[in-house]
Amino acid sequence: MELFHIRYLQAYLKVIGNYTCHLLFGTHKKTL
């Protein structure tokens, strides 16, 4: 159960990280 929770958390953080990067990149592109 703990391993599954860690994997789920890692996947969640990866998705959030990708979304944040995409959002920041998009905003940066708009500014330029």
N, C-alpha and C. Protein backbone atom coordinates (compact mmCIF):
# COMPACT_ATOMS: atom_id res chain seq x y z
N MET A 1 0.84 -1.20 0.00
CA MET A 1 0.00 0.00 0.00
C MET A 1 0.88 1.26 0.00
N GLU A 2 1.95 1.23 0.81
CA GLU A 2 2.84 2.38 0.89
C GLU A 2 3.52 2.64 -0.45
N LEU A 3 3.96 1.55 -1.09
CA LEU A 3 4.63 1.68 -2.38
C LEU A 3 3.68 2.27 -3.42
N PHE A 4 2.45 1.80 -3.40
CA PHE A 4 1.44 2.31 -4.34
C PHE A 4 1.20 3.79 -4.09
N HIS A 5 1.15 4.18 -2.82
CA HIS A 5 0.91 5.57 -2.46
C HIS A 5 2.06 6.45 -2.97
N ILE A 6 3.29 5.96 -2.81
CA ILE A 6 4.46 6.71 -3.28
C ILE A 6 4.42 6.85 -4.79
N ARG A 7 4.08 5.78 -5.49
CA ARG A 7 4.01 5.83 -6.95
C ARG A 7 2.93 6.80 -7.40
N TYR A 8 1.80 6.78 -6.72
CA TYR A 8 0.69 7.67 -7.06
C TYR A 8 1.11 9.12 -6.84
N LEU A 9 1.82 9.35 -5.72
CA LEU A 9 2.28 10.70 -5.40
C LEU A 9 3.28 11.19 -6.44
N GLN A 10 4.20 10.32 -6.85
CA GLN A 10 5.20 10.67 -7.87
C GLN A 10 4.52 11.02 -9.18
N ALA A 11 3.55 10.21 -9.58
CA ALA A 11 2.82 10.46 -10.84
C ALA A 11 2.07 11.78 -10.75
N TYR A 12 1.46 12.04 -9.60
CA TYR A 12 0.70 13.28 -9.38
C TYR A 12 1.63 14.49 -9.47
N LEU A 13 2.79 14.40 -8.81
CA LEU A 13 3.76 15.49 -8.85
C LEU A 13 4.28 15.71 -10.26
N LYS A 14 4.47 14.64 -11.00
CA LYS A 14 4.95 14.74 -12.38
C LYS A 14 3.93 15.48 -13.24
N VAL A 15 2.66 15.13 -13.08
CA VAL A 15 1.59 15.79 -13.85
C VAL A 15 1.52 17.27 -13.48
N ILE A 16 1.56 17.55 -12.18
CA ILE A 16 1.50 18.95 -11.72
C ILE A 16 2.70 19.73 -12.24
N GLY A 17 3.88 19.09 -12.21
CA GLY A 17 5.09 19.74 -12.70
C GLY A 17 4.99 20.06 -14.17
N ASN A 18 4.52 19.10 -14.96
CA ASN A 18 4.37 19.30 -16.40
C ASN A 18 3.36 20.40 -16.68
N TYR A 19 2.27 20.41 -15.94
CA TYR A 19 1.21 21.41 -16.13
C TYR A 19 1.75 22.80 -15.79
N THR A 20 2.49 22.89 -14.68
CA THR A 20 3.05 24.17 -14.25
C THR A 20 4.05 24.67 -15.29
N CYS A 21 4.91 23.77 -15.77
CA CYS A 21 5.90 24.13 -16.80
C CYS A 21 5.18 24.65 -18.04
N HIS A 22 4.17 23.94 -18.47
CA HIS A 22 3.41 24.32 -19.66
C HIS A 22 2.76 25.69 -19.46
N LEU A 23 2.18 25.89 -18.27
CA LEU A 23 1.51 27.15 -17.95
C LEU A 23 2.52 28.30 -17.95
N LEU A 24 3.65 28.09 -17.28
CA LEU A 24 4.69 29.13 -17.21
C LEU A 24 5.24 29.43 -18.59
N PHE A 25 5.49 28.39 -19.38
CA PHE A 25 6.02 28.56 -20.73
C PHE A 25 5.04 29.34 -21.58
N GLY A 26 3.76 29.02 -21.45
CA GLY A 26 2.72 29.71 -22.21
C GLY A 26 2.65 31.18 -21.83
N THR A 27 2.73 31.46 -20.53
CA THR A 27 2.68 32.84 -20.05
C THR A 27 3.91 33.59 -20.53
N HIS A 28 5.06 32.94 -20.47
CA HIS A 28 6.31 33.56 -20.90
C HIS A 28 6.25 33.89 -22.39
N LYS A 29 5.67 32.96 -23.15
CA LYS A 29 5.53 33.15 -24.60
C LYS A 29 4.63 34.35 -24.89
N LYS A 30 3.57 34.48 -24.11
CA LYS A 30 2.65 35.61 -24.30
C LYS A 30 3.34 36.93 -24.00
N THR A 31 4.18 36.93 -22.93
CA THR A 31 4.89 38.14 -22.54
C THR A 31 5.86 38.56 -23.64
N LEU A 32 6.52 37.57 -24.23
CA LEU A 32 7.44 37.86 -25.34
C LEU A 32 6.62 38.15 -26.58
